[in-house]
Structure formats: C-alpha cells, structure tokens
Amino acid sequence: MPHIYAKTEEGGFYGFGYAQAQSHGNLLLRMYGESRARAAEYWGEKYESQDKWLVANDVPARSAQWFRQQTPQMQKNLEAFAAGVNAYAAAHPDRIAPEVKLVLPLRGVDIIAHASG
C-alpha cells in the first residue's frame, strides 16, 4: 500500500502517478495508448476496430477539449500525474515492458482521454 506525502495538490498528483506506475505501469501505459486511438499503430491490427470506434466517436478531439476546459490548477494536476508516471518509467526502465514504452511520455490530456473513452 503506497503512502503519498506532498506539500501541494500538484505534488500529490505527481506522487499518485508515480505510485500507480510502480504498481501497474504496463497496464497504465497500455490503457493510455489505447485511449489515444493509436493502439493499432502501437500493437497491431487487432486494435483497429477499437481505434476506429474511438475516432468515430471523437474521443481524441473531445479529450483535448475537455483538458482545455479544466481549471489551470486541474491541468497542472493532470500534467503532474503524467509526470509522475513518466518519472517512474525513467527511473525504472527495466520494470516497463518494451512494447508499452513507446506510449511514453504521457501528458495530462492522456489522463483525460482515458476517462472520456
């Protein structure tokens, strides 16, 4: 059970991203890659219909819009979460599967994309 200590809200999001990557890094990166509607590009044609559905339903465009609609603080928090995941992956490259490393680096919009897909 990870414990996260931070002096700021943004720091808490960073720590949570780092802890999530430590516990579920490969799964997180696969989910964020899929939510970009680029899974077929990353991992093959078996993801093509999923990517087409996401694009047809405007998930990538809607995700970018929803990210822009967040408050400046929430945008910073989402970027901090993504930075925490990225930092874990950089510090522990041996714990991230090669096939999901190509999703890195994550950005705050990736976090929103997963929620909107």
PDB file of N, CA and C in Angstrom:
ATOM      1  N   MET A   1       0.847  -1.169   0.000  1.00  0.00           N
ATOM      2  CA  MET A   1       0.000   0.000   0.000  1.00  0.00           C
ATOM      3  C   MET A   1       0.895   1.234   0.000  1.00  0.00           C
ATOM      4  N   PRO A   2       0.931   1.965  -1.125  1.00  0.00           N
ATOM      5  CA  PRO A   2       1.774   3.158  -1.161  1.00  0.00           C
ATOM      6  C   PRO A   2       1.181   4.286  -0.319  1.00  0.00           C
ATOM      7  N   HIS A   3       2.052   5.046   0.271  1.00  0.00           N
ATOM      8  CA  HIS A   3       1.660   6.242   1.007  1.00  0.00           C
ATOM      9  C   HIS A   3       2.268   7.425   0.279  1.00  0.00           C
ATOM     10  N   ILE A   4       1.451   8.427   0.014  1.00  0.00           N
ATOM     11  CA  ILE A   4       1.898   9.595  -0.734  1.00  0.00           C
ATOM     12  C   ILE A   4       1.853  10.793   0.190  1.00  0.00           C
ATOM     13  N   TYR A   5       2.978  11.483   0.273  1.00  0.00           N
ATOM     14  CA  TYR A   5       3.061  12.700   1.071  1.00  0.00           C
ATOM     15  C   TYR A   5       3.483  13.828   0.136  1.00  0.00           C
ATOM     16  N   ALA A   6       2.771  14.921   0.216  1.00  0.00           N
ATOM     17  CA  ALA A   6       3.088  16.054  -0.645  1.00  0.00           C
ATOM     18  C   ALA A   6       2.691  17.347   0.059  1.00  0.00           C
ATOM     19  N   LYS A   7       3.389  18.398  -0.284  1.00  0.00           N
ATOM     20  CA  LYS A   7       3.085  19.711   0.301  1.00  0.00           C
ATOM     21  C   LYS A   7       2.079  20.485  -0.541  1.00  0.00           C
ATOM     22  N   THR A   8       1.842  20.006  -1.768  1.00  0.00           N
ATOM     23  CA  THR A   8       0.897  20.687  -2.650  1.00  0.00           C
ATOM     24  C   THR A   8      -0.026  19.653  -3.289  1.00  0.00           C
ATOM     25  N   GLU A   9      -1.138  20.146  -3.792  1.00  0.00           N
ATOM     26  CA  GLU A   9      -2.064  19.282  -4.522  1.00  0.00           C
ATOM     27  C   GLU A   9      -1.369  18.683  -5.739  1.00  0.00           C
ATOM     28  N   GLU A  10      -0.643  19.519  -6.459  1.00  0.00           N
ATOM     29  CA  GLU A  10       0.102  19.067  -7.636  1.00  0.00           C
ATOM     30  C   GLU A  10       1.111  17.977  -7.255  1.00  0.00           C
ATOM     31  N   GLY A  11       1.767  18.168  -6.136  1.00  0.00           N
ATOM     32  CA  GLY A  11       2.716  17.161  -5.657  1.00  0.00           C
ATOM     33  C   GLY A  11       2.042  15.841  -5.333  1.00  0.00           C
ATOM     34  N   GLY A  12       0.827  15.912  -4.812  1.00  0.00           N
ATOM     35  CA  GLY A  12       0.064  14.693  -4.533  1.00  0.00           C
ATOM     36  C   GLY A  12      -0.275  13.944  -5.808  1.00  0.00           C
ATOM     37  N   PHE A  13      -0.652  14.679  -6.839  1.00  0.00           N
ATOM     38  CA  PHE A  13      -0.940  14.048  -8.128  1.00  0.00           C
ATOM     39  C   PHE A  13       0.317  13.410  -8.705  1.00  0.00           C
ATOM     40  N   TYR A  14       1.450  14.084  -8.593  1.00  0.00           N
ATOM     41  CA  TYR A  14       2.722  13.531  -9.071  1.00  0.00           C
ATOM     42  C   TYR A  14       3.011  12.211  -8.342  1.00  0.00           C
ATOM     43  N   GLY A  15       2.895  12.247  -7.030  1.00  0.00           N
ATOM     44  CA  GLY A  15       3.155  11.044  -6.238  1.00  0.00           C
ATOM     45  C   GLY A  15       2.206   9.914  -6.568  1.00  0.00           C
ATOM     46  N   PHE A  16       0.945  10.263  -6.814  1.00  0.00           N
ATOM     47  CA  PHE A  16      -0.035   9.246  -7.167  1.00  0.00           C
ATOM     48  C   PHE A  16       0.296   8.629  -8.522  1.00  0.00           C
ATOM     49  N   GLY A  17       0.704   9.455  -9.487  1.00  0.00           N
ATOM     50  CA  GLY A  17       1.113   8.929 -10.787  1.00  0.00           C
ATOM     51  C   GLY A  17       2.302   7.999 -10.663  1.00  0.00           C
ATOM     52  N   TYR A  18       3.279   8.407  -9.854  1.00  0.00           N
ATOM     53  CA  TYR A  18       4.477   7.584  -9.636  1.00  0.00           C
ATOM     54  C   TYR A  18       4.079   6.245  -9.003  1.00  0.00           C
ATOM     55  N   ALA A  19       3.229   6.317  -7.975  1.00  0.00           N
ATOM     56  CA  ALA A  19       2.805   5.089  -7.281  1.00  0.00           C
ATOM     57  C   ALA A  19       1.982   4.184  -8.199  1.00  0.00           C
ATOM     58  N   GLN A  20       1.109   4.771  -9.008  1.00  0.00           N
ATOM     59  CA  GLN A  20       0.326   3.972  -9.943  1.00  0.00           C
ATOM     60  C   GLN A  20       1.233   3.265 -10.943  1.00  0.00           C
ATOM     61  N   ALA A  21       2.236   3.979 -11.423  1.00  0.00           N
ATOM     62  CA  ALA A  21       3.183   3.360 -12.367  1.00  0.00           C
ATOM     63  C   ALA A  21       3.963   2.241 -11.697  1.00  0.00           C
ATOM     64  N   GLN A  22       4.315   2.439 -10.446  1.00  0.00           N
ATOM     65  CA  GLN A  22       5.048   1.407  -9.721  1.00  0.00           C
ATOM     66  C   GLN A  22       4.199   0.148  -9.578  1.00  0.00           C
ATOM     67  N   SER A  23       2.921   0.322  -9.313  1.00  0.00           N
ATOM     68  CA  SER A  23       2.040  -0.830  -9.112  1.00  0.00           C
ATOM     69  C   SER A  23       1.494  -1.419 -10.410  1.00  0.00           C
ATOM     70  N   HIS A  24       1.232  -0.555 -11.405  1.00  0.00           N
ATOM     71  CA  HIS A  24       0.529  -1.000 -12.606  1.00  0.00           C
ATOM     72  C   HIS A  24       1.066  -0.346 -13.879  1.00  0.00           C
ATOM     73  N   GLY A  25       2.347  -0.101 -13.958  1.00  0.00           N
ATOM     74  CA  GLY A  25       2.917   0.662 -15.068  1.00  0.00           C
ATOM     75  C   GLY A  25       2.569   0.142 -16.447  1.00  0.00           C
ATOM     76  N   ASN A  26       2.733  -1.129 -16.675  1.00  0.00           N
ATOM     77  CA  ASN A  26       2.469  -1.683 -18.007  1.00  0.00           C
ATOM     78  C   ASN A  26       0.985  -1.564 -18.369  1.00  0.00           C
ATOM     79  N   LEU A  27       0.117  -1.839 -17.415  1.00  0.00           N
ATOM     80  CA  LEU A  27      -1.318  -1.717 -17.650  1.00  0.00           C
ATOM     81  C   LEU A  27      -1.699  -0.262 -17.936  1.00  0.00           C
ATOM     82  N   LEU A  28      -1.179   0.668 -17.143  1.00  0.00           N
ATOM     83  CA  LEU A  28      -1.465   2.087 -17.364  1.00  0.00           C
ATOM     84  C   LEU A  28      -1.060   2.522 -18.764  1.00  0.00           C
ATOM     85  N   LEU A  29       0.140   2.179 -19.152  1.00  0.00           N
ATOM     86  CA  LEU A  29       0.626   2.616 -20.457  1.00  0.00           C
ATOM     87  C   LEU A  29      -0.182   1.996 -21.589  1.00  0.00           C
ATOM     88  N   ARG A  30      -0.592   0.772 -21.429  1.00  0.00           N
ATOM     89  CA  ARG A  30      -1.437   0.144 -22.451  1.00  0.00           C
ATOM     90  C   ARG A  30      -2.781   0.876 -22.520  1.00  0.00           C
ATOM     91  N   MET A  31      -3.393   1.170 -21.380  1.00  0.00           N
ATOM     92  CA  MET A  31      -4.685   1.866 -21.370  1.00  0.00           C
ATOM     93  C   MET A  31      -4.569   3.258 -21.995  1.00  0.00           C
ATOM     94  N   TYR A  32      -3.516   3.977 -21.658  1.00  0.00           N
ATOM     95  CA  TYR A  32      -3.361   5.325 -22.215  1.00  0.00           C
ATOM     96  C   TYR A  32      -3.044   5.258 -23.707  1.00  0.00           C
ATOM     97  N   GLY A  33      -2.299   4.271 -24.136  1.00  0.00           N
ATOM     98  CA  GLY A  33      -2.052   4.097 -25.567  1.00  0.00           C
ATOM     99  C   GLY A  33      -3.328   3.780 -26.318  1.00  0.00           C
ATOM    100  N   GLU A  34      -4.159   2.928 -25.735  1.00  0.00           N
ATOM    101  CA  GLU A  34      -5.439   2.598 -26.361  1.00  0.00           C
ATOM    102  C   GLU A  34      -6.340   3.828 -26.427  1.00  0.00           C
ATOM    103  N   SER A  35      -6.380   4.615 -25.370  1.00  0.00           N
ATOM    104  CA  SER A  35      -7.282   5.761 -25.342  1.00  0.00           C
ATOM    105  C   SER A  35      -6.854   6.876 -26.295  1.00  0.00           C
ATOM    106  N   ARG A  36      -5.639   6.838 -26.783  1.00  0.00           N
ATOM    107  CA  ARG A  36      -5.189   7.782 -27.816  1.00  0.00           C
ATOM    108  C   ARG A  36      -5.743   7.425 -29.194  1.00  0.00           C
ATOM    109  N   ALA A  37      -6.364   6.261 -29.305  1.00  0.00           N
ATOM    110  CA  ALA A  37      -6.846   5.722 -30.581  1.00  0.00           C
ATOM    111  C   ALA A  37      -5.666   5.419 -31.501  1.00  0.00           C
ATOM    112  N   ARG A  38      -4.568   4.956 -30.902  1.00  0.00           N
ATOM    113  CA  ARG A  38      -3.373   4.610 -31.666  1.00  0.00           C
ATOM    114  C   ARG A  38      -2.889   3.190 -31.335  1.00  0.00           C
ATOM    115  N   ALA A  39      -3.744   2.401 -30.721  1.00  0.00           N
ATOM    116  CA  ALA A  39      -3.326   1.064 -30.308  1.00  0.00           C
ATOM    117  C   ALA A  39      -2.935   0.192 -31.490  1.00  0.00           C
ATOM    118  N   ALA A  40      -3.631   0.312 -32.619  1.00  0.00           N
ATOM    119  CA  ALA A  40      -3.271  -0.490 -33.796  1.00  0.00           C
ATOM    120  C   ALA A  40      -1.881  -0.105 -34.292  1.00  0.00           C
ATOM    121  N   GLU A  41      -1.572   1.182 -34.225  1.00  0.00           N
ATOM    122  CA  GLU A  41      -0.226   1.641 -34.604  1.00  0.00           C
ATOM    123  C   GLU A  41       0.822   1.067 -33.663  1.00  0.00           C
ATOM    124  N   TYR A  42       0.500   1.022 -32.380  1.00  0.00           N
ATOM    125  CA  TYR A  42       1.444   0.544 -31.373  1.00  0.00           C
ATOM    126  C   TYR A  42       1.554  -0.977 -31.343  1.00  0.00           C
ATOM    127  N   TRP A  43       0.396  -1.675 -31.404  1.00  0.00           N
ATOM    128  CA  TRP A  43       0.392  -3.106 -31.100  1.00  0.00           C
ATOM    129  C   TRP A  43      -0.291  -3.990 -32.128  1.00  0.00           C
ATOM    130  N   GLY A  44      -0.651  -3.452 -33.261  1.00  0.00           N
ATOM    131  CA  GLY A  44      -1.149  -4.310 -34.326  1.00  0.00           C
ATOM    132  C   GLY A  44      -2.626  -4.169 -34.640  1.00  0.00           C
ATOM    133  N   GLU A  45      -2.967  -4.808 -35.754  1.00  0.00           N
ATOM    134  CA  GLU A  45      -4.291  -4.628 -36.346  1.00  0.00           C
ATOM    135  C   GLU A  45      -5.446  -5.147 -35.502  1.00  0.00           C
ATOM    136  N   LYS A  46      -5.179  -5.974 -34.509  1.00  0.00           N
ATOM    137  CA  LYS A  46      -6.292  -6.457 -33.680  1.00  0.00           C
ATOM    138  C   LYS A  46      -6.958  -5.307 -32.912  1.00  0.00           C
ATOM    139  N   TYR A  47      -6.305  -4.160 -32.837  1.00  0.00           N
ATOM    140  CA  TYR A  47      -6.868  -2.977 -32.163  1.00  0.00           C
ATOM    141  C   TYR A  47      -7.522  -2.004 -33.143  1.00  0.00           C
ATOM    142  N   GLU A  48      -7.540  -2.339 -34.420  1.00  0.00           N
ATOM    143  CA  GLU A  48      -8.027  -1.408 -35.436  1.00  0.00           C
ATOM    144  C   GLU A  48      -9.491  -1.003 -35.225  1.00  0.00           C
ATOM    145  N   SER A  49     -10.358  -1.959 -34.927  1.00  0.00           N
ATOM    146  CA  SER A  49     -11.769  -1.609 -34.754  1.00  0.00           C
ATOM    147  C   SER A  49     -11.972  -0.727 -33.520  1.00  0.00           C
ATOM    148  N   GLN A  50     -11.224  -0.973 -32.479  1.00  0.00           N
ATOM    149  CA  GLN A  50     -11.301  -0.126 -31.281  1.00  0.00           C
ATOM    150  C   GLN A  50     -10.847   1.289 -31.601  1.00  0.00           C
ATOM    151  N   ASP A  51      -9.744   1.430 -32.312  1.00  0.00           N
ATOM    152  CA  ASP A  51      -9.255   2.749 -32.702  1.00  0.00           C
ATOM    153  C   ASP A  51     -10.279   3.480 -33.563  1.00  0.00           C
ATOM    154  N   LYS A  52     -10.866   2.764 -34.518  1.00  0.00           N
ATOM    155  CA  LYS A  52     -11.877   3.379 -35.389  1.00  0.00           C
ATOM    156  C   LYS A  52     -13.073   3.856 -34.585  1.00  0.00           C
ATOM    157  N   TRP A  53     -13.512   3.068 -33.618  1.00  0.00           N
ATOM    158  CA  TRP A  53     -14.637   3.465 -32.773  1.00  0.00           C
ATOM    159  C   TRP A  53     -14.298   4.737 -31.999  1.00  0.00           C
ATOM    160  N   LEU A  54     -13.109   4.790 -31.415  1.00  0.00           N
ATOM    161  CA  LEU A  54     -12.703   5.973 -30.654  1.00  0.00           C
ATOM    162  C   LEU A  54     -12.655   7.220 -31.532  1.00  0.00           C
ATOM    163  N   VAL A  55     -12.118   7.079 -32.732  1.00  0.00           N
ATOM    164  CA  VAL A  55     -12.043   8.217 -33.653  1.00  0.00           C
ATOM    165  C   VAL A  55     -13.453   8.611 -34.117  1.00  0.00           C
ATOM    166  N   ALA A  56     -14.270   7.630 -34.466  1.00  0.00           N
ATOM    167  CA  ALA A  56     -15.631   7.914 -34.929  1.00  0.00           C
ATOM    168  C   ALA A  56     -16.467   8.620 -33.865  1.00  0.00           C
ATOM    169  N   ASN A  57     -16.148   8.366 -32.619  1.00  0.00           N
ATOM    170  CA  ASN A  57     -16.870   8.994 -31.519  1.00  0.00           C
ATOM    171  C   ASN A  57     -16.131  10.204 -30.947  1.00  0.00           C
ATOM    172  N   ASP A  58     -15.171  10.705 -31.695  1.00  0.00           N
ATOM    173  CA  ASP A  58     -14.445  11.936 -31.365  1.00  0.00           C
ATOM    174  C   ASP A  58     -13.733  11.914 -30.017  1.00  0.00           C
ATOM    175  N   VAL A  59     -13.358  10.756 -29.546  1.00  0.00           N
ATOM    176  CA  VAL A  59     -12.717  10.685 -28.234  1.00  0.00           C
ATOM    177  C   VAL A  59     -11.409  11.481 -28.190  1.00  0.00           C
ATOM    178  N   PRO A  60     -10.495  11.352 -29.155  1.00  0.00           N
ATOM    179  CA  PRO A  60      -9.272  12.158 -29.066  1.00  0.00           C
ATOM    180  C   PRO A  60      -9.552  13.665 -29.075  1.00  0.00           C
ATOM    181  N   ALA A  61     -10.428  14.122 -29.956  1.00  0.00           N
ATOM    182  CA  ALA A  61     -10.745  15.557 -30.019  1.00  0.00           C
ATOM    183  C   ALA A  61     -11.462  16.015 -28.754  1.00  0.00           C
ATOM    184  N   ARG A  62     -12.398  15.211 -28.279  1.00  0.00           N
ATOM    185  CA  ARG A  62     -13.132  15.560 -27.059  1.00  0.00           C
ATOM    186  C   ARG A  62     -12.191  15.593 -25.858  1.00  0.00           C
ATOM    187  N   SER A  63     -11.239  14.695 -25.816  1.00  0.00           N
ATOM    188  CA  SER A  63     -10.281  14.672 -24.713  1.00  0.00           C
ATOM    189  C   SER A  63      -9.474  15.963 -24.669  1.00  0.00           C
ATOM    190  N   ALA A  64      -9.007  16.401 -25.818  1.00  0.00           N
ATOM    191  CA  ALA A  64      -8.249  17.656 -25.885  1.00  0.00           C
ATOM    192  C   ALA A  64      -9.120  18.829 -25.447  1.00  0.00           C
ATOM    193  N   GLN A  65     -10.366  18.827 -25.870  1.00  0.00           N
ATOM    194  CA  GLN A  65     -11.297  19.897 -25.480  1.00  0.00           C
ATOM    195  C   GLN A  65     -11.534  19.865 -23.973  1.00  0.00           C
ATOM    196  N   TRP A  66     -11.794  18.686 -23.439  1.00  0.00           N
ATOM    197  CA  TRP A  66     -12.042  18.572 -22.002  1.00  0.00           C
ATOM    198  C   TRP A  66     -10.818  18.993 -21.195  1.00  0.00           C
ATOM    199  N   PHE A  67      -9.631  18.667 -21.687  1.00  0.00           N
ATOM    200  CA  PHE A  67      -8.428  19.095 -20.971  1.00  0.00           C
ATOM    201  C   PHE A  67      -8.355  20.623 -20.940  1.00  0.00           C
ATOM    202  N   ARG A  68      -8.611  21.263 -22.072  1.00  0.00           N
ATOM    203  CA  ARG A  68      -8.575  22.731 -22.134  1.00  0.00           C
ATOM    204  C   ARG A  68      -9.634  23.359 -21.236  1.00  0.00           C
ATOM    205  N   GLN A  69     -10.732  22.653 -20.987  1.00  0.00           N
ATOM    206  CA  GLN A  69     -11.811  23.181 -20.159  1.00  0.00           C
ATOM    207  C   GLN A  69     -11.554  23.038 -18.657  1.00  0.00           C
ATOM    208  N   GLN A  70     -10.510  22.333 -18.295  1.00  0.00           N
ATOM    209  CA  GLN A  70     -10.187  22.190 -16.881  1.00  0.00           C
ATOM    210  C   GLN A  70      -9.640  23.513 -16.343  1.00  0.00           C
ATOM    211  N   THR A  71      -9.755  23.689 -15.048  1.00  0.00           N
ATOM    212  CA  THR A  71      -9.151  24.870 -14.434  1.00  0.00           C
ATOM    213  C   THR A  71      -7.635  24.784 -14.603  1.00  0.00           C
ATOM    214  N   PRO A  72      -6.948  25.903 -14.540  1.00  0.00           N
ATOM    215  CA  PRO A  72      -5.483  25.844 -14.625  1.00  0.00           C
ATOM    216  C   PRO A  72      -4.870  24.905 -13.572  1.00  0.00           C
ATOM    217  N   GLN A  73      -5.431  24.897 -12.363  1.00  0.00           N
ATOM    218  CA  GLN A  73      -4.904  24.012 -11.326  1.00  0.00           C
ATOM    219  C   GLN A  73      -5.104  22.545 -11.694  1.00  0.00           C
ATOM    220  N   MET A  74      -6.280  22.207 -12.212  1.00  0.00           N
ATOM    221  CA  MET A  74      -6.527  20.811 -12.583  1.00  0.00           C
ATOM    222  C   MET A  74      -5.646  20.406 -13.748  1.00  0.00           C
ATOM    223  N   GLN A  75      -5.406  21.296 -14.695  1.00  0.00           N
ATOM    224  CA  GLN A  75      -4.474  20.994 -15.783  1.00  0.00           C
ATOM    225  C   GLN A  75      -3.091  20.688 -15.211  1.00  0.00           C
ATOM    226  N   LYS A  76      -2.646  21.488 -14.255  1.00  0.00           N
ATOM    227  CA  LYS A  76      -1.344  21.234 -13.611  1.00  0.00           C
ATOM    228  C   LYS A  76      -1.349  19.887 -12.896  1.00  0.00           C
ATOM    229  N   ASN A  77      -2.454  19.572 -12.232  1.00  0.00           N
ATOM    230  CA  ASN A  77      -2.553  18.297 -11.519  1.00  0.00           C
ATOM    231  C   ASN A  77      -2.470  17.113 -12.483  1.00  0.00           C
ATOM    232  N   LEU A  78      -3.191  17.201 -13.599  1.00  0.00           N
ATOM    233  CA  LEU A  78      -3.150  16.124 -14.591  1.00  0.00           C
ATOM    234  C   LEU A  78      -1.771  15.991 -15.213  1.00  0.00           C
ATOM    235  N   GLU A  79      -1.131  17.111 -15.490  1.00  0.00           N
ATOM    236  CA  GLU A  79       0.251  17.078 -16.012  1.00  0.00           C
ATOM    237  C   GLU A  79       1.192  16.480 -14.969  1.00  0.00           C
ATOM    238  N   ALA A  80       0.954  16.785 -13.699  1.00  0.00           N
ATOM    239  CA  ALA A  80       1.800  16.245 -12.631  1.00  0.00           C
ATOM    240  C   ALA A  80       1.630  14.732 -12.505  1.00  0.00           C
ATOM    241  N   PHE A  81       0.392  14.243 -12.620  1.00  0.00           N
ATOM    242  CA  PHE A  81       0.159  12.799 -12.592  1.00  0.00           C
ATOM    243  C   PHE A  81       0.940  12.139 -13.724  1.00  0.00           C
ATOM    244  N   ALA A  82       0.809  12.693 -14.926  1.00  0.00           N
ATOM    245  CA  ALA A  82       1.532  12.149 -16.083  1.00  0.00           C
ATOM    246  C   ALA A  82       3.038  12.207 -15.845  1.00  0.00           C
ATOM    247  N   ALA A  83       3.519  13.301 -15.282  1.00  0.00           N
ATOM    248  CA  ALA A  83       4.953  13.438 -15.000  1.00  0.00           C
ATOM    249  C   ALA A  83       5.413  12.396 -13.987  1.00  0.00           C
ATOM    250  N   GLY A  84       4.565  12.069 -13.027  1.00  0.00           N
ATOM    251  CA  GLY A  84       4.910  11.025 -12.060  1.00  0.00           C
ATOM    252  C   GLY A  84       5.063   9.661 -12.728  1.00  0.00           C
ATOM    253  N   VAL A  85       4.160   9.346 -13.638  1.00  0.00           N
ATOM    254  CA  VAL A  85       4.263   8.089 -14.396  1.00  0.00           C
ATOM    255  C   VAL A  85       5.546   8.102 -15.224  1.00  0.00           C
ATOM    256  N   ASN A  86       5.789   9.214 -15.913  1.00  0.00           N
ATOM    257  CA  ASN A  86       6.998   9.333 -16.746  1.00  0.00           C
ATOM    258  C   ASN A  86       8.265   9.192 -15.909  1.00  0.00           C
ATOM    259  N   ALA A  87       8.262   9.797 -14.722  1.00  0.00           N
ATOM    260  CA  ALA A  87       9.439   9.732 -13.846  1.00  0.00           C
ATOM    261  C   ALA A  87       9.706   8.305 -13.383  1.00  0.00           C
ATOM    262  N   TYR A  88       8.649   7.594 -13.023  1.00  0.00           N
ATOM    263  CA  TYR A  88       8.832   6.197 -12.621  1.00  0.00           C
ATOM    264  C   TYR A  88       9.422   5.389 -13.771  1.00  0.00           C
ATOM    265  N   ALA A  89       8.867   5.565 -14.964  1.00  0.00           N
ATOM    266  CA  ALA A  89       9.349   4.812 -16.127  1.00  0.00           C
ATOM    267  C   ALA A  89      10.812   5.139 -16.423  1.00  0.00           C
ATOM    268  N   ALA A  90      11.205   6.397 -16.258  1.00  0.00           N
ATOM    269  CA  ALA A  90      12.601   6.785 -16.493  1.00  0.00           C
ATOM    270  C   ALA A  90      13.528   6.215 -15.426  1.00  0.00           C
ATOM    271  N   ALA A  91      13.059   6.174 -14.188  1.00  0.00           N
ATOM    272  CA  ALA A  91      13.883   5.676 -13.082  1.00  0.00           C
ATOM    273  C   ALA A  91      13.972   4.151 -13.056  1.00  0.00           C
ATOM    274  N   HIS A  92      12.990   3.478 -13.633  1.00  0.00           N
ATOM    275  CA  HIS A  92      12.923   2.007 -13.587  1.00  0.00           C
ATOM    276  C   HIS A  92      12.609   1.437 -14.967  1.00  0.00           C
ATOM    277  N   PRO A  93      13.434   1.701 -15.957  1.00  0.00           N
ATOM    278  CA  PRO A  93      13.123   1.233 -17.320  1.00  0.00           C
ATOM    279  C   PRO A  93      13.011  -0.287 -17.419  1.00  0.00           C
ATOM    280  N   ASP A  94      13.656  -0.987 -16.525  1.00  0.00           N
ATOM    281  CA  ASP A  94      13.603  -2.445 -16.535  1.00  0.00           C
ATOM    282  C   ASP A  94      12.246  -2.986 -16.071  1.00  0.00           C
ATOM    283  N   ARG A  95      11.430  -2.143 -15.465  1.00  0.00           N
ATOM    284  CA  ARG A  95      10.121  -2.581 -14.976  1.00  0.00           C
ATOM    285  C   ARG A  95       8.979  -2.204 -15.908  1.00  0.00           C
ATOM    286  N   ILE A  96       9.327  -1.599 -17.031  1.00  0.00           N
ATOM    287  CA  ILE A  96       8.333  -1.232 -18.029  1.00  0.00           C
ATOM    288  C   ILE A  96       8.572  -2.107 -19.253  1.00  0.00           C
ATOM    289  N   ALA A  97       7.543  -2.803 -19.694  1.00  0.00           N
ATOM    290  CA  ALA A  97       7.663  -3.708 -20.844  1.00  0.00           C
ATOM    291  C   ALA A  97       8.027  -2.915 -22.102  1.00  0.00           C
ATOM    292  N   PRO A  98       8.931  -3.454 -22.902  1.00  0.00           N
ATOM    293  CA  PRO A  98       9.350  -2.747 -24.120  1.00  0.00           C
ATOM    294  C   PRO A  98       8.194  -2.364 -25.035  1.00  0.00           C
ATOM    295  N   GLU A  99       7.175  -3.203 -25.125  1.00  0.00           N
ATOM    296  CA  GLU A  99       6.085  -2.925 -26.062  1.00  0.00           C
ATOM    297  C   GLU A  99       5.192  -1.764 -25.625  1.00  0.00           C
ATOM    298  N   VAL A 100       5.257  -1.351 -24.368  1.00  0.00           N
ATOM    299  CA  VAL A 100       4.445  -0.207 -23.946  1.00  0.00           C
ATOM    300  C   VAL A 100       5.265   1.064 -23.753  1.00  0.00           C
ATOM    301  N   LYS A 101       6.579   0.963 -23.788  1.00  0.00           N
ATOM    302  CA  LYS A 101       7.427   2.149 -23.623  1.00  0.00           C
ATOM    303  C   LYS A 101       7.176   3.189 -24.704  1.00  0.00           C
ATOM    304  N   LEU A 102       6.732   2.754 -25.869  1.00  0.00           N
ATOM    305  CA  LEU A 102       6.530   3.700 -26.970  1.00  0.00           C
ATOM    306  C   LEU A 102       5.367   4.649 -26.719  1.00  0.00           C
ATOM    307  N   VAL A 103       4.570   4.401 -25.706  1.00  0.00           N
ATOM    308  CA  VAL A 103       3.488   5.313 -25.337  1.00  0.00           C
ATOM    309  C   VAL A 103       4.048   6.547 -24.603  1.00  0.00           C
ATOM    310  N   LEU A 104       5.215   6.378 -24.008  1.00  0.00           N
ATOM    311  CA  LEU A 104       5.832   7.478 -23.258  1.00  0.00           C
ATOM    312  C   LEU A 104       6.339   8.565 -24.184  1.00  0.00           C
ATOM    313  N   PRO A 105       6.346   9.788 -23.753  1.00  0.00           N
ATOM    314  CA  PRO A 105       5.891  10.259 -22.445  1.00  0.00           C
ATOM    315  C   PRO A 105       4.390  10.524 -22.450  1.00  0.00           C
ATOM    316  N   LEU A 106       3.806  10.375 -21.276  1.00  0.00           N
ATOM    317  CA  LEU A 106       2.402  10.719 -21.102  1.00  0.00           C
ATOM    318  C   LEU A 106       2.271  12.220 -20.925  1.00  0.00           C
ATOM    319  N   ARG A 107       1.078  12.716 -21.228  1.00  0.00           N
ATOM    320  CA  ARG A 107       0.730  14.121 -20.999  1.00  0.00           C
ATOM    321  C   ARG A 107      -0.607  14.156 -20.256  1.00  0.00           C
ATOM    322  N   GLY A 108      -0.921  15.282 -19.714  1.00  0.00           N
ATOM    323  CA  GLY A 108      -2.168  15.420 -18.975  1.00  0.00           C
ATOM    324  C   GLY A 108      -3.388  15.060 -19.794  1.00  0.00           C
ATOM    325  N   VAL A 109      -3.365  15.375 -21.070  1.00  0.00           N
ATOM    326  CA  VAL A 109      -4.507  15.061 -21.929  1.00  0.00           C
ATOM    327  C   VAL A 109      -4.714  13.550 -22.037  1.00  0.00           C
ATOM    328  N   ASP A 110      -3.660  12.760 -21.892  1.00  0.00           N
ATOM    329  CA  ASP A 110      -3.807  11.309 -21.931  1.00  0.00           C
ATOM    330  C   ASP A 110      -4.657  10.815 -20.758  1.00  0.00           C
ATOM    331  N   ILE A 111      -4.525  11.478 -19.626  1.00  0.00           N
ATOM    332  CA  ILE A 111      -5.282  11.074 -18.441  1.00  0.00           C
ATOM    333  C   ILE A 111      -6.771  11.343 -18.675  1.00  0.00           C
ATOM    334  N   ILE A 112      -7.082  12.496 -19.246  1.00  0.00           N
ATOM    335  CA  ILE A 112      -8.468  12.836 -19.594  1.00  0.00           C
ATOM    336  C   ILE A 112      -8.995  11.875 -20.668  1.00  0.00           C
ATOM    337  N   ALA A 113      -8.158  11.546 -21.648  1.00  0.00           N
ATOM    338  CA  ALA A 113      -8.590  10.670 -22.751  1.00  0.00           C
ATOM    339  C   ALA A 113      -9.068   9.325 -22.221  1.00  0.00           C
ATOM    340  N   HIS A 114      -8.362   8.789 -21.264  1.00  0.00           N
ATOM    341  CA  HIS A 114      -8.774   7.504 -20.722  1.00  0.00           C
ATOM    342  C   HIS A 114     -10.132   7.610 -20.032  1.00  0.00           C
ATOM    343  N   ALA A 115     -10.390   8.727 -19.404  1.00  0.00           N
ATOM    344  CA  ALA A 115     -11.669   8.918 -18.707  1.00  0.00           C
ATOM    345  C   ALA A 115     -12.828   9.159 -19.678  1.00  0.00           C
ATOM    346  N   SER A 116     -12.519   9.659 -20.868  1.00  0.00           N
ATOM    347  CA  SER A 116     -13.598  10.004 -21.790  1.00  0.00           C
ATOM    348  C   SER A 116     -13.887   8.922 -22.829  1.00  0.00           C
ATOM    349  N   GLY A 117     -13.069   7.880 -22.863  1.00  0.00           N
ATOM    350  CA  GLY A 117     -13.228   6.862 -23.886  1.00  0.00           C
ATOM    351  C   GLY A 117     -14.152   5.796 -23.562  1.00  0.00           C
TER     352      GLY A 117
END
